[in-house]
Amino acid sequence: MNQDLLWLEQLKFNDMGLIPAIAQDYQDNTVLMVAWMNHESIRQTLETGEAHYWSRSRTELWHKGATSGHIQKVKALYYDCDADTLLLKIEQVGDVACHTGARSCFFNRVALKP
């Protein structure tokens, strides 16, 4: 394996070969979405510089924004201390990450008691 890719061996994928990936705006740190990645989607992301994920519902590789034009240009890629979650710092083209048309998938706020 390429020396630059040895970090991939440290990642802990689940039983389905997937790892959660958080997409975060690289400028203002807004969490835009959470998706899943496998080895192939990580490879495609590294090769193209654009986010690729694994669609659990469609069971296929998914190039984010391929049909909508709202691609995610990857500016940085991190993995957490347990090596079981990825963080993609991205530039969200078109400022829309959610399939609903919202900027972020996290718009359902829960009311908490004071």
PDB file of N, CA and C in Angstrom:
ATOM      1  N   MET A   1       0.845  -1.185   0.000  1.00  0.00           N
ATOM      2  CA  MET A   1       0.000   0.000   0.000  1.00  0.00           C
ATOM      3  C   MET A   1       0.887   1.244   0.000  1.00  0.00           C
ATOM      4  N   ASN A   2       0.436   2.260  -0.694  1.00  0.00           N
ATOM      5  CA  ASN A   2       1.115   3.550  -0.739  1.00  0.00           C
ATOM      6  C   ASN A   2       1.311   4.080   0.682  1.00  0.00           C
ATOM      7  N   GLN A   3       2.505   4.542   0.994  1.00  0.00           N
ATOM      8  CA  GLN A   3       2.811   5.077   2.334  1.00  0.00           C
ATOM      9  C   GLN A   3       1.825   6.165   2.749  1.00  0.00           C
ATOM     10  N   ASP A   4       1.383   6.980   1.783  1.00  0.00           N
ATOM     11  CA  ASP A   4       0.455   8.070   2.083  1.00  0.00           C
ATOM     12  C   ASP A   4      -0.925   7.566   2.502  1.00  0.00           C
ATOM     13  N   LEU A   5      -1.225   6.314   2.225  1.00  0.00           N
ATOM     14  CA  LEU A   5      -2.549   5.760   2.523  1.00  0.00           C
ATOM     15  C   LEU A   5      -2.549   4.783   3.693  1.00  0.00           C
ATOM     16  N   LEU A   6      -1.449   4.688   4.419  1.00  0.00           N
ATOM     17  CA  LEU A   6      -1.378   3.771   5.561  1.00  0.00           C
ATOM     18  C   LEU A   6      -2.423   4.090   6.635  1.00  0.00           C
ATOM     19  N   TRP A   7      -2.826   5.332   6.738  1.00  0.00           N
ATOM     20  CA  TRP A   7      -3.836   5.718   7.718  1.00  0.00           C
ATOM     21  C   TRP A   7      -5.149   4.959   7.503  1.00  0.00           C
ATOM     22  N   LEU A   8      -5.426   4.568   6.256  1.00  0.00           N
ATOM     23  CA  LEU A   8      -6.655   3.819   5.962  1.00  0.00           C
ATOM     24  C   LEU A   8      -6.717   2.498   6.720  1.00  0.00           C
ATOM     25  N   GLU A   9      -5.567   1.898   6.976  1.00  0.00           N
ATOM     26  CA  GLU A   9      -5.508   0.624   7.692  1.00  0.00           C
ATOM     27  C   GLU A   9      -5.937   0.767   9.149  1.00  0.00           C
ATOM     28  N   GLN A  10      -5.882   1.972   9.679  1.00  0.00           N
ATOM     29  CA  GLN A  10      -6.267   2.213  11.067  1.00  0.00           C
ATOM     30  C   GLN A  10      -7.774   2.360  11.245  1.00  0.00           C
ATOM     31  N   LEU A  11      -8.487   2.651  10.159  1.00  0.00           N
ATOM     32  CA  LEU A  11      -9.917   2.903  10.264  1.00  0.00           C
ATOM     33  C   LEU A  11     -10.686   1.655  10.676  1.00  0.00           C
ATOM     34  N   LYS A  12     -11.714   1.869  11.488  1.00  0.00           N
ATOM     35  CA  LYS A  12     -12.563   0.786  11.978  1.00  0.00           C
ATOM     36  C   LYS A  12     -13.925   0.876  11.292  1.00  0.00           C
ATOM     37  N   PHE A  13     -14.126   0.016  10.320  1.00  0.00           N
ATOM     38  CA  PHE A  13     -15.377  -0.049   9.583  1.00  0.00           C
ATOM     39  C   PHE A  13     -16.338  -0.988  10.322  1.00  0.00           C
ATOM     40  N   ASN A  14     -17.642  -0.765  10.167  1.00  0.00           N
ATOM     41  CA  ASN A  14     -18.613  -1.647  10.821  1.00  0.00           C
ATOM     42  C   ASN A  14     -18.711  -2.966  10.067  1.00  0.00           C
ATOM     43  N   ASP A  15     -19.621  -3.827  10.492  1.00  0.00           N
ATOM     44  CA  ASP A  15     -19.770  -5.162   9.893  1.00  0.00           C
ATOM     45  C   ASP A  15     -20.169  -5.113   8.418  1.00  0.00           C
ATOM     46  N   MET A  16     -20.728  -3.984   7.997  1.00  0.00           N
ATOM     47  CA  MET A  16     -21.123  -3.820   6.594  1.00  0.00           C
ATOM     48  C   MET A  16     -20.007  -3.157   5.772  1.00  0.00           C
ATOM     49  N   GLY A  17     -18.862  -2.918   6.402  1.00  0.00           N
ATOM     50  CA  GLY A  17     -17.747  -2.290   5.701  1.00  0.00           C
ATOM     51  C   GLY A  17     -17.889  -0.791   5.554  1.00  0.00           C
ATOM     52  N   LEU A  18     -18.685  -0.186   6.456  1.00  0.00           N
ATOM     53  CA  LEU A  18     -18.972   1.244   6.372  1.00  0.00           C
ATOM     54  C   LEU A  18     -18.435   1.989   7.593  1.00  0.00           C
ATOM     55  N   ILE A  19     -18.206   3.285   7.389  1.00  0.00           N
ATOM     56  CA  ILE A  19     -17.773   4.164   8.465  1.00  0.00           C
ATOM     57  C   ILE A  19     -18.554   5.475   8.319  1.00  0.00           C
ATOM     58  N   PRO A  20     -19.074   6.045   9.430  1.00  0.00           N
ATOM     59  CA  PRO A  20     -19.802   7.310   9.308  1.00  0.00           C
ATOM     60  C   PRO A  20     -18.860   8.450   8.930  1.00  0.00           C
ATOM     61  N   ALA A  21     -19.404   9.362   8.129  1.00  0.00           N
ATOM     62  CA  ALA A  21     -18.634  10.514   7.670  1.00  0.00           C
ATOM     63  C   ALA A  21     -19.457  11.784   7.873  1.00  0.00           C
ATOM     64  N   ILE A  22     -18.886  12.720   8.587  1.00  0.00           N
ATOM     65  CA  ILE A  22     -19.526  14.010   8.841  1.00  0.00           C
ATOM     66  C   ILE A  22     -18.999  15.002   7.823  1.00  0.00           C
ATOM     67  N   ALA A  23     -19.895  15.695   7.136  1.00  0.00           N
ATOM     68  CA  ALA A  23     -19.500  16.754   6.203  1.00  0.00           C
ATOM     69  C   ALA A  23     -19.715  18.090   6.902  1.00  0.00           C
ATOM     70  N   GLN A  24     -18.643  18.859   7.023  1.00  0.00           N
ATOM     71  CA  GLN A  24     -18.666  20.123   7.741  1.00  0.00           C
ATOM     72  C   GLN A  24     -18.127  21.231   6.839  1.00  0.00           C
ATOM     73  N   ASP A  25     -18.792  22.387   6.845  1.00  0.00           N
ATOM     74  CA  ASP A  25     -18.325  23.524   6.059  1.00  0.00           C
ATOM     75  C   ASP A  25     -16.933  23.929   6.535  1.00  0.00           C
ATOM     76  N   TYR A  26     -15.995  24.031   5.616  1.00  0.00           N
ATOM     77  CA  TYR A  26     -14.605  24.304   5.998  1.00  0.00           C
ATOM     78  C   TYR A  26     -14.394  25.745   6.436  1.00  0.00           C
ATOM     79  N   GLN A  27     -15.329  26.653   6.126  1.00  0.00           N
ATOM     80  CA  GLN A  27     -15.163  28.053   6.512  1.00  0.00           C
ATOM     81  C   GLN A  27     -15.853  28.401   7.826  1.00  0.00           C
ATOM     82  N   ASP A  28     -17.122  27.989   7.991  1.00  0.00           N
ATOM     83  CA  ASP A  28     -17.847  28.397   9.197  1.00  0.00           C
ATOM     84  C   ASP A  28     -18.138  27.244  10.155  1.00  0.00           C
ATOM     85  N   ASN A  29     -17.672  26.035   9.826  1.00  0.00           N
ATOM     86  CA  ASN A  29     -17.791  24.839  10.678  1.00  0.00           C
ATOM     87  C   ASN A  29     -19.213  24.326  10.871  1.00  0.00           C
ATOM     88  N   THR A  30     -20.161  24.763  10.068  1.00  0.00           N
ATOM     89  CA  THR A  30     -21.518  24.225  10.141  1.00  0.00           C
ATOM     90  C   THR A  30     -21.501  22.751   9.758  1.00  0.00           C
ATOM     91  N   VAL A  31     -22.126  21.907  10.582  1.00  0.00           N
ATOM     92  CA  VAL A  31     -22.275  20.498  10.229  1.00  0.00           C
ATOM     93  C   VAL A  31     -23.400  20.429   9.200  1.00  0.00           C
ATOM     94  N   LEU A  32     -23.067  19.946   8.021  1.00  0.00           N
ATOM     95  CA  LEU A  32     -24.034  19.944   6.928  1.00  0.00           C
ATOM     96  C   LEU A  32     -24.782  18.624   6.793  1.00  0.00           C
ATOM     97  N   MET A  33     -24.100  17.518   7.001  1.00  0.00           N
ATOM     98  CA  MET A  33     -24.751  16.216   6.843  1.00  0.00           C
ATOM     99  C   MET A  33     -23.870  15.119   7.408  1.00  0.00           C
ATOM    100  N   VAL A  34     -24.476  13.954   7.572  1.00  0.00           N
ATOM    101  CA  VAL A  34     -23.754  12.740   7.948  1.00  0.00           C
ATOM    102  C   VAL A  34     -24.129  11.685   6.916  1.00  0.00           C
ATOM    103  N   ALA A  35     -23.121  10.988   6.428  1.00  0.00           N
ATOM    104  CA  ALA A  35     -23.349   9.925   5.448  1.00  0.00           C
ATOM    105  C   ALA A  35     -22.426   8.762   5.802  1.00  0.00           C
ATOM    106  N   TRP A  36     -22.375   7.784   4.940  1.00  0.00           N
ATOM    107  CA  TRP A  36     -21.536   6.604   5.155  1.00  0.00           C
ATOM    108  C   TRP A  36     -20.531   6.478   4.035  1.00  0.00           C
ATOM    109  N   MET A  37     -19.355   5.983   4.364  1.00  0.00           N
ATOM    110  CA  MET A  37     -18.327   5.742   3.365  1.00  0.00           C
ATOM    111  C   MET A  37     -17.819   4.306   3.509  1.00  0.00           C
ATOM    112  N   ASN A  38     -17.356   3.760   2.391  1.00  0.00           N
ATOM    113  CA  ASN A  38     -16.660   2.474   2.401  1.00  0.00           C
ATOM    114  C   ASN A  38     -15.287   2.702   1.765  1.00  0.00           C
ATOM    115  N   HIS A  39     -14.512   1.637   1.603  1.00  0.00           N
ATOM    116  CA  HIS A  39     -13.168   1.794   1.031  1.00  0.00           C
ATOM    117  C   HIS A  39     -13.212   2.459  -0.342  1.00  0.00           C
ATOM    118  N   GLU A  40     -14.152   2.029  -1.175  1.00  0.00           N
ATOM    119  CA  GLU A  40     -14.233   2.564  -2.532  1.00  0.00           C
ATOM    120  C   GLU A  40     -14.618   4.039  -2.542  1.00  0.00           C
ATOM    121  N   SER A  41     -15.564   4.433  -1.715  1.00  0.00           N
ATOM    122  CA  SER A  41     -15.964   5.852  -1.698  1.00  0.00           C
ATOM    123  C   SER A  41     -14.833   6.729  -1.171  1.00  0.00           C
ATOM    124  N   ILE A  42     -14.067   6.219  -0.223  1.00  0.00           N
ATOM    125  CA  ILE A  42     -12.899   6.961   0.264  1.00  0.00           C
ATOM    126  C   ILE A  42     -11.873   7.095  -0.859  1.00  0.00           C
ATOM    127  N   ARG A  43     -11.626   6.006  -1.583  1.00  0.00           N
ATOM    128  CA  ARG A  43     -10.670   6.040  -2.691  1.00  0.00           C
ATOM    129  C   ARG A  43     -11.095   7.050  -3.751  1.00  0.00           C
ATOM    130  N   GLN A  44     -12.380   7.028  -4.117  1.00  0.00           N
ATOM    131  CA  GLN A  44     -12.903   7.966  -5.115  1.00  0.00           C
ATOM    132  C   GLN A  44     -12.781   9.407  -4.628  1.00  0.00           C
ATOM    133  N   THR A  45     -13.070   9.617  -3.348  1.00  0.00           N
ATOM    134  CA  THR A  45     -12.964  10.959  -2.770  1.00  0.00           C
ATOM    135  C   THR A  45     -11.531  11.461  -2.847  1.00  0.00           C
ATOM    136  N   LEU A  46     -10.590  10.618  -2.475  1.00  0.00           N
ATOM    137  CA  LEU A  46      -9.180  11.012  -2.504  1.00  0.00           C
ATOM    138  C   LEU A  46      -8.699  11.264  -3.934  1.00  0.00           C
ATOM    139  N   GLU A  47      -9.173  10.472  -4.882  1.00  0.00           N
ATOM    140  CA  GLU A  47      -8.742  10.624  -6.273  1.00  0.00           C
ATOM    141  C   GLU A  47      -9.311  11.868  -6.937  1.00  0.00           C
ATOM    142  N   THR A  48     -10.571  12.187  -6.634  1.00  0.00           N
ATOM    143  CA  THR A  48     -11.250  13.281  -7.339  1.00  0.00           C
ATOM    144  C   THR A  48     -11.241  14.604  -6.577  1.00  0.00           C
ATOM    145  N   GLY A  49     -11.081  14.536  -5.251  1.00  0.00           N
ATOM    146  CA  GLY A  49     -11.174  15.753  -4.449  1.00  0.00           C
ATOM    147  C   GLY A  49     -12.613  16.167  -4.176  1.00  0.00           C
ATOM    148  N   GLU A  50     -13.554  15.328  -4.582  1.00  0.00           N
ATOM    149  CA  GLU A  50     -14.977  15.578  -4.333  1.00  0.00           C
ATOM    150  C   GLU A  50     -15.538  14.409  -3.536  1.00  0.00           C
ATOM    151  N   ALA A  51     -16.494  14.718  -2.647  1.00  0.00           N
ATOM    152  CA  ALA A  51     -17.036  13.703  -1.750  1.00  0.00           C
ATOM    153  C   ALA A  51     -17.833  12.639  -2.495  1.00  0.00           C
ATOM    154  N   HIS A  52     -17.512  11.399  -2.183  1.00  0.00           N
ATOM    155  CA  HIS A  52     -18.255  10.225  -2.639  1.00  0.00           C
ATOM    156  C   HIS A  52     -18.650   9.449  -1.388  1.00  0.00           C
ATOM    157  N   TYR A  53     -19.864   8.956  -1.367  1.00  0.00           N
ATOM    158  CA  TYR A  53     -20.370   8.223  -0.215  1.00  0.00           C
ATOM    159  C   TYR A  53     -20.949   6.898  -0.678  1.00  0.00           C
ATOM    160  N   TRP A  54     -21.342   6.076   0.305  1.00  0.00           N
ATOM    161  CA  TRP A  54     -22.051   4.841   0.021  1.00  0.00           C
ATOM    162  C   TRP A  54     -23.498   5.031   0.429  1.00  0.00           C
ATOM    163  N   SER A  55     -24.411   4.848  -0.511  1.00  0.00           N
ATOM    164  CA  SER A  55     -25.837   4.959  -0.226  1.00  0.00           C
ATOM    165  C   SER A  55     -26.346   3.628   0.304  1.00  0.00           C
ATOM    166  N   ARG A  56     -26.751   3.614   1.568  1.00  0.00           N
ATOM    167  CA  ARG A  56     -27.286   2.381   2.152  1.00  0.00           C
ATOM    168  C   ARG A  56     -28.637   2.031   1.557  1.00  0.00           C
ATOM    169  N   SER A  57     -29.456   3.046   1.236  1.00  0.00           N
ATOM    170  CA  SER A  57     -30.791   2.765   0.701  1.00  0.00           C
ATOM    171  C   SER A  57     -30.734   2.256  -0.738  1.00  0.00           C
ATOM    172  N   ARG A  58     -29.802   2.765  -1.529  1.00  0.00           N
ATOM    173  CA  ARG A  58     -29.682   2.344  -2.925  1.00  0.00           C
ATOM    174  C   ARG A  58     -28.606   1.274  -3.113  1.00  0.00           C
ATOM    175  N   THR A  59     -27.852   1.019  -2.061  1.00  0.00           N
ATOM    176  CA  THR A  59     -26.705   0.093  -2.082  1.00  0.00           C
ATOM    177  C   THR A  59     -25.805   0.336  -3.295  1.00  0.00           C
ATOM    178  N   GLU A  60     -25.350   1.599  -3.398  1.00  0.00           N
ATOM    179  CA  GLU A  60     -24.440   1.952  -4.487  1.00  0.00           C
ATOM    180  C   GLU A  60     -23.586   3.154  -4.105  1.00  0.00           C
ATOM    181  N   LEU A  61     -22.484   3.283  -4.816  1.00  0.00           N
ATOM    182  CA  LEU A  61     -21.613   4.429  -4.647  1.00  0.00           C
ATOM    183  C   LEU A  61     -22.357   5.687  -5.083  1.00  0.00           C
ATOM    184  N   TRP A  62     -22.135   6.778  -4.379  1.00  0.00           N
ATOM    185  CA  TRP A  62     -22.891   8.006  -4.600  1.00  0.00           C
ATOM    186  C   TRP A  62     -21.930   9.183  -4.631  1.00  0.00           C
ATOM    187  N   HIS A  63     -21.816   9.837  -5.779  1.00  0.00           N
ATOM    188  CA  HIS A  63     -21.021  11.059  -5.918  1.00  0.00           C
ATOM    189  C   HIS A  63     -21.923  12.219  -5.533  1.00  0.00           C
ATOM    190  N   LYS A  64     -21.681  12.798  -4.381  1.00  0.00           N
ATOM    191  CA  LYS A  64     -22.544  13.863  -3.857  1.00  0.00           C
ATOM    192  C   LYS A  64     -22.627  15.005  -4.862  1.00  0.00           C
ATOM    193  N   GLY A  65     -23.840  15.328  -5.269  1.00  0.00           N
ATOM    194  CA  GLY A  65     -24.085  16.441  -6.179  1.00  0.00           C
ATOM    195  C   GLY A  65     -24.004  16.094  -7.654  1.00  0.00           C
ATOM    196  N   ALA A  66     -23.793  14.827  -7.988  1.00  0.00           N
ATOM    197  CA  ALA A  66     -23.656  14.435  -9.392  1.00  0.00           C
ATOM    198  C   ALA A  66     -24.893  14.804 -10.207  1.00  0.00           C
ATOM    199  N   THR A  67     -26.072  14.701  -9.610  1.00  0.00           N
ATOM    200  CA  THR A  67     -27.296  15.052 -10.348  1.00  0.00           C
ATOM    201  C   THR A  67     -27.782  16.456 -10.016  1.00  0.00           C
ATOM    202  N   SER A  68     -27.580  16.910  -8.788  1.00  0.00           N
ATOM    203  CA  SER A  68     -28.078  18.232  -8.376  1.00  0.00           C
ATOM    204  C   SER A  68     -27.109  19.362  -8.689  1.00  0.00           C
ATOM    205  N   GLY A  69     -25.831  19.029  -8.857  1.00  0.00           N
ATOM    206  CA  GLY A  69     -24.821  20.068  -9.045  1.00  0.00           C
ATOM    207  C   GLY A  69     -24.252  20.581  -7.739  1.00  0.00           C
ATOM    208  N   HIS A  70     -24.793  20.125  -6.608  1.00  0.00           N
ATOM    209  CA  HIS A  70     -24.350  20.567  -5.290  1.00  0.00           C
ATOM    210  C   HIS A  70     -23.233  19.660  -4.772  1.00  0.00           C
ATOM    211  N   ILE A  71     -22.121  19.666  -5.486  1.00  0.00           N
ATOM    212  CA  ILE A  71     -20.996  18.817  -5.115  1.00  0.00           C
ATOM    213  C   ILE A  71     -20.305  19.336  -3.857  1.00  0.00           C
ATOM    214  N   GLN A  72     -19.508  18.472  -3.268  1.00  0.00           N
ATOM    215  CA  GLN A  72     -18.727  18.836  -2.087  1.00  0.00           C
ATOM    216  C   GLN A  72     -17.247  18.704  -2.418  1.00  0.00           C
ATOM    217  N   LYS A  73     -16.565  19.844  -2.466  1.00  0.00           N
ATOM    218  CA  LYS A  73     -15.127  19.848  -2.703  1.00  0.00           C
ATOM    219  C   LYS A  73     -14.430  19.656  -1.363  1.00  0.00           C
ATOM    220  N   VAL A  74     -13.658  18.598  -1.243  1.00  0.00           N
ATOM    221  CA  VAL A  74     -13.019  18.254   0.022  1.00  0.00           C
ATOM    222  C   VAL A  74     -11.758  19.096   0.209  1.00  0.00           C
ATOM    223  N   LYS A  75     -11.740  19.848   1.317  1.00  0.00           N
ATOM    224  CA  LYS A  75     -10.607  20.709   1.652  1.00  0.00           C
ATOM    225  C   LYS A  75      -9.672  20.036   2.651  1.00  0.00           C
ATOM    226  N   ALA A  76     -10.223  19.165   3.514  1.00  0.00           N
ATOM    227  CA  ALA A  76      -9.424  18.435   4.505  1.00  0.00           C
ATOM    228  C   ALA A  76     -10.209  17.203   4.918  1.00  0.00           C
ATOM    229  N   LEU A  77      -9.480  16.187   5.358  1.00  0.00           N
ATOM    230  CA  LEU A  77     -10.091  14.935   5.788  1.00  0.00           C
ATOM    231  C   LEU A  77      -9.418  14.493   7.081  1.00  0.00           C
ATOM    232  N   TYR A  78     -10.228  14.201   8.086  1.00  0.00           N
ATOM    233  CA  TYR A  78      -9.730  13.779   9.400  1.00  0.00           C
ATOM    234  C   TYR A  78     -10.417  12.483   9.797  1.00  0.00           C
ATOM    235  N   TYR A  79      -9.812  11.751  10.711  1.00  0.00           N
ATOM    236  CA  TYR A  79     -10.514  10.665  11.392  1.00  0.00           C
ATOM    237  C   TYR A  79     -10.352  10.899  12.886  1.00  0.00           C
ATOM    238  N   ASP A  80     -11.309  10.401  13.670  1.00  0.00           N
ATOM    239  CA  ASP A  80     -11.325  10.686  15.110  1.00  0.00           C
ATOM    240  C   ASP A  80     -10.351   9.790  15.870  1.00  0.00           C
ATOM    241  N   CYS A  81     -10.266  10.031  17.180  1.00  0.00           N
ATOM    242  CA  CYS A  81      -9.306   9.340  18.047  1.00  0.00           C
ATOM    243  C   CYS A  81      -9.528   7.836  18.099  1.00  0.00           C
ATOM    244  N   ASP A  82     -10.754   7.381  17.878  1.00  0.00           N
ATOM    245  CA  ASP A  82     -11.054   5.953  17.873  1.00  0.00           C
ATOM    246  C   ASP A  82     -10.966   5.355  16.471  1.00  0.00           C
ATOM    247  N   ALA A  83     -10.712   6.191  15.480  1.00  0.00           N
ATOM    248  CA  ALA A  83     -10.603   5.776  14.073  1.00  0.00           C
ATOM    249  C   ALA A  83     -11.893   5.134  13.565  1.00  0.00           C
ATOM    250  N   ASP A  84     -13.049   5.564  14.123  1.00  0.00           N
ATOM    251  CA  ASP A  84     -14.313   4.988  13.673  1.00  0.00           C
ATOM    252  C   ASP A  84     -15.296   6.006  13.108  1.00  0.00           C
ATOM    253  N   THR A  85     -14.828   7.232  12.871  1.00  0.00           N
ATOM    254  CA  THR A  85     -15.645   8.271  12.258  1.00  0.00           C
ATOM    255  C   THR A  85     -14.734   9.187  11.451  1.00  0.00           C
ATOM    256  N   LEU A  86     -15.224   9.584  10.274  1.00  0.00           N
ATOM    257  CA  LEU A  86     -14.483  10.521   9.428  1.00  0.00           C
ATOM    258  C   LEU A  86     -15.112  11.907   9.508  1.00  0.00           C
ATOM    259  N   LEU A  87     -14.291  12.924   9.309  1.00  0.00           N
ATOM    260  CA  LEU A  87     -14.754  14.306   9.219  1.00  0.00           C
ATOM    261  C   LEU A  87     -14.197  14.885   7.928  1.00  0.00           C
ATOM    262  N   LEU A  88     -15.113  15.280   7.047  1.00  0.00           N
ATOM    263  CA  LEU A  88     -14.721  15.914   5.795  1.00  0.00           C
ATOM    264  C   LEU A  88     -15.000  17.401   5.914  1.00  0.00           C
ATOM    265  N   LYS A  89     -13.965  18.212   5.837  1.00  0.00           N
ATOM    266  CA  LYS A  89     -14.121  19.670   5.780  1.00  0.00           C
ATOM    267  C   LYS A  89     -14.305  19.987   4.305  1.00  0.00           C
ATOM    268  N   ILE A  90     -15.464  20.521   3.964  1.00  0.00           N
ATOM    269  CA  ILE A  90     -15.801  20.654   2.548  1.00  0.00           C
ATOM    270  C   ILE A  90     -16.244  22.065   2.179  1.00  0.00           C
ATOM    271  N   GLU A  91     -16.133  22.344   0.887  1.00  0.00           N
ATOM    272  CA  GLU A  91     -16.763  23.515   0.295  1.00  0.00           C
ATOM    273  C   GLU A  91     -18.022  23.002  -0.379  1.00  0.00           C
ATOM    274  N   GLN A  92     -19.172  23.447   0.101  1.00  0.00           N
ATOM    275  CA  GLN A  92     -20.444  22.985  -0.439  1.00  0.00           C
ATOM    276  C   GLN A  92     -20.830  23.873  -1.621  1.00  0.00           C
ATOM    277  N   VAL A  93     -20.741  23.351  -2.810  1.00  0.00           N
ATOM    278  CA  VAL A  93     -21.104  24.109  -4.006  1.00  0.00           C
ATOM    279  C   VAL A  93     -22.613  24.310  -4.026  1.00  0.00           C
ATOM    280  N   GLY A  94     -23.044  25.541  -4.232  1.00  0.00           N
ATOM    281  CA  GLY A  94     -24.463  25.853  -4.244  1.00  0.00           C
ATOM    282  C   GLY A  94     -25.053  26.046  -2.860  1.00  0.00           C
ATOM    283  N   ASP A  95     -24.249  25.851  -1.819  1.00  0.00           N
ATOM    284  CA  ASP A  95     -24.651  26.049  -0.423  1.00  0.00           C
ATOM    285  C   ASP A  95     -25.842  25.188   0.000  1.00  0.00           C
ATOM    286  N   VAL A  96     -26.068  24.061  -0.685  1.00  0.00           N
ATOM    287  CA  VAL A  96     -27.153  23.142  -0.338  1.00  0.00           C
ATOM    288  C   VAL A  96     -26.569  21.747  -0.183  1.00  0.00           C
ATOM    289  N   ALA A  97     -26.661  21.190   1.043  1.00  0.00           N
ATOM    290  CA  ALA A  97     -26.166  19.839   1.283  1.00  0.00           C
ATOM    291  C   ALA A  97     -27.296  18.821   1.416  1.00  0.00           C
ATOM    292  N   CYS A  98     -28.445  19.259   1.908  1.00  0.00           N
ATOM    293  CA  CYS A  98     -29.550  18.340   2.207  1.00  0.00           C
ATOM    294  C   CYS A  98     -30.420  18.081   0.977  1.00  0.00           C
ATOM    295  N   HIS A  99     -30.913  16.856   0.858  1.00  0.00           N
ATOM    296  CA  HIS A  99     -31.793  16.509  -0.260  1.00  0.00           C
ATOM    297  C   HIS A  99     -33.116  17.265  -0.225  1.00  0.00           C
ATOM    298  N   THR A 100     -33.429  17.900   0.925  1.00  0.00           N
ATOM    299  CA  THR A 100     -34.658  18.689   1.035  1.00  0.00           C
ATOM    300  C   THR A 100     -34.498  20.078   0.441  1.00  0.00           C
ATOM    301  N   GLY A 101     -33.255  20.440   0.111  1.00  0.00           N
ATOM    302  CA  GLY A 101     -32.977  21.777  -0.405  1.00  0.00           C
ATOM    303  C   GLY A 101     -32.435  22.716   0.651  1.00  0.00           C
ATOM    304  N   ALA A 102     -32.342  22.241   1.882  1.00  0.00           N
ATOM    305  CA  ALA A 102     -31.801  23.053   2.974  1.00  0.00           C
ATOM    306  C   ALA A 102     -30.268  23.026   2.930  1.00  0.00           C
ATOM    307  N   ARG A 103     -29.656  24.029   3.526  1.00  0.00           N
ATOM    308  CA  ARG A 103     -28.198  24.080   3.569  1.00  0.00           C
ATOM    309  C   ARG A 103     -27.648  22.890   4.352  1.00  0.00           C
ATOM    310  N   SER A 104     -28.244  22.622   5.520  1.00  0.00           N
ATOM    311  CA  SER A 104     -27.806  21.545   6.401  1.00  0.00           C
ATOM    312  C   SER A 104     -28.954  20.577   6.627  1.00  0.00           C
ATOM    313  N   CYS A 105     -28.628  19.327   6.840  1.00  0.00           N
ATOM    314  CA  CYS A 105     -29.649  18.328   7.176  1.00  0.00           C
ATOM    315  C   CYS A 105     -30.146  18.495   8.613  1.00  0.00           C
ATOM    316  N   PHE A 106     -29.428  19.285   9.399  1.00  0.00           N
ATOM    317  CA  PHE A 106     -29.756  19.444  10.818  1.00  0.00           C
ATOM    318  C   PHE A 106     -30.557  20.717  11.052  1.00  0.00           C
ATOM    319  N   PHE A 107     -31.840  20.671  10.691  1.00  0.00           N
ATOM    320  CA  PHE A 107     -32.717  21.822  10.877  1.00  0.00           C
ATOM    321  C   PHE A 107     -33.916  21.507  11.768  1.00  0.00           C
ATOM    322  N   ASN A 108     -34.016  20.278  12.271  1.00  0.00           N
ATOM    323  CA  ASN A 108     -35.108  19.883  13.165  1.00  0.00           C
ATOM    324  C   ASN A 108     -34.663  20.052  14.605  1.00  0.00           C
ATOM    325  N   ARG A 109     -34.930  21.219  15.159  1.00  0.00           N
ATOM    326  CA  ARG A 109     -34.490  21.530  16.516  1.00  0.00           C
ATOM    327  C   ARG A 109     -35.449  20.939  17.533  1.00  0.00           C
ATOM    328  N   VAL A 110     -34.904  20.396  18.586  1.00  0.00           N
ATOM    329  CA  VAL A 110     -35.677  19.811  19.680  1.00  0.00           C
ATOM    330  C   VAL A 110     -35.740  20.836  20.815  1.00  0.00           C
ATOM    331  N   ALA A 111     -36.955  21.088  21.308  1.00  0.00           N
ATOM    332  CA  ALA A 111     -37.111  22.023  22.425  1.00  0.00           C
ATOM    333  C   ALA A 111     -36.644  21.358  23.722  1.00  0.00           C
ATOM    334  N   LEU A 112     -35.770  22.016  24.423  1.00  0.00           N
ATOM    335  CA  LEU A 112     -35.261  21.519  25.699  1.00  0.00           C
ATOM    336  C   LEU A 112     -35.848  22.338  26.831  1.00  0.00           C
ATOM    337  N   LYS A 113     -36.019  21.706  27.967  1.00  0.00           N
ATOM    338  CA  LYS A 113     -36.518  22.428  29.137  1.00  0.00           C
ATOM    339  C   LYS A 113     -35.440  23.372  29.614  1.00  0.00           C
ATOM    340  N   PRO A 114     -35.856  24.567  30.075  1.00  0.00           N
ATOM    341  CA  PRO A 114     -34.858  25.537  30.569  1.00  0.00           C
ATOM    342  C   PRO A 114     -34.165  25.081  31.832  1.00  0.00           C
TER     343      PRO A 114
END
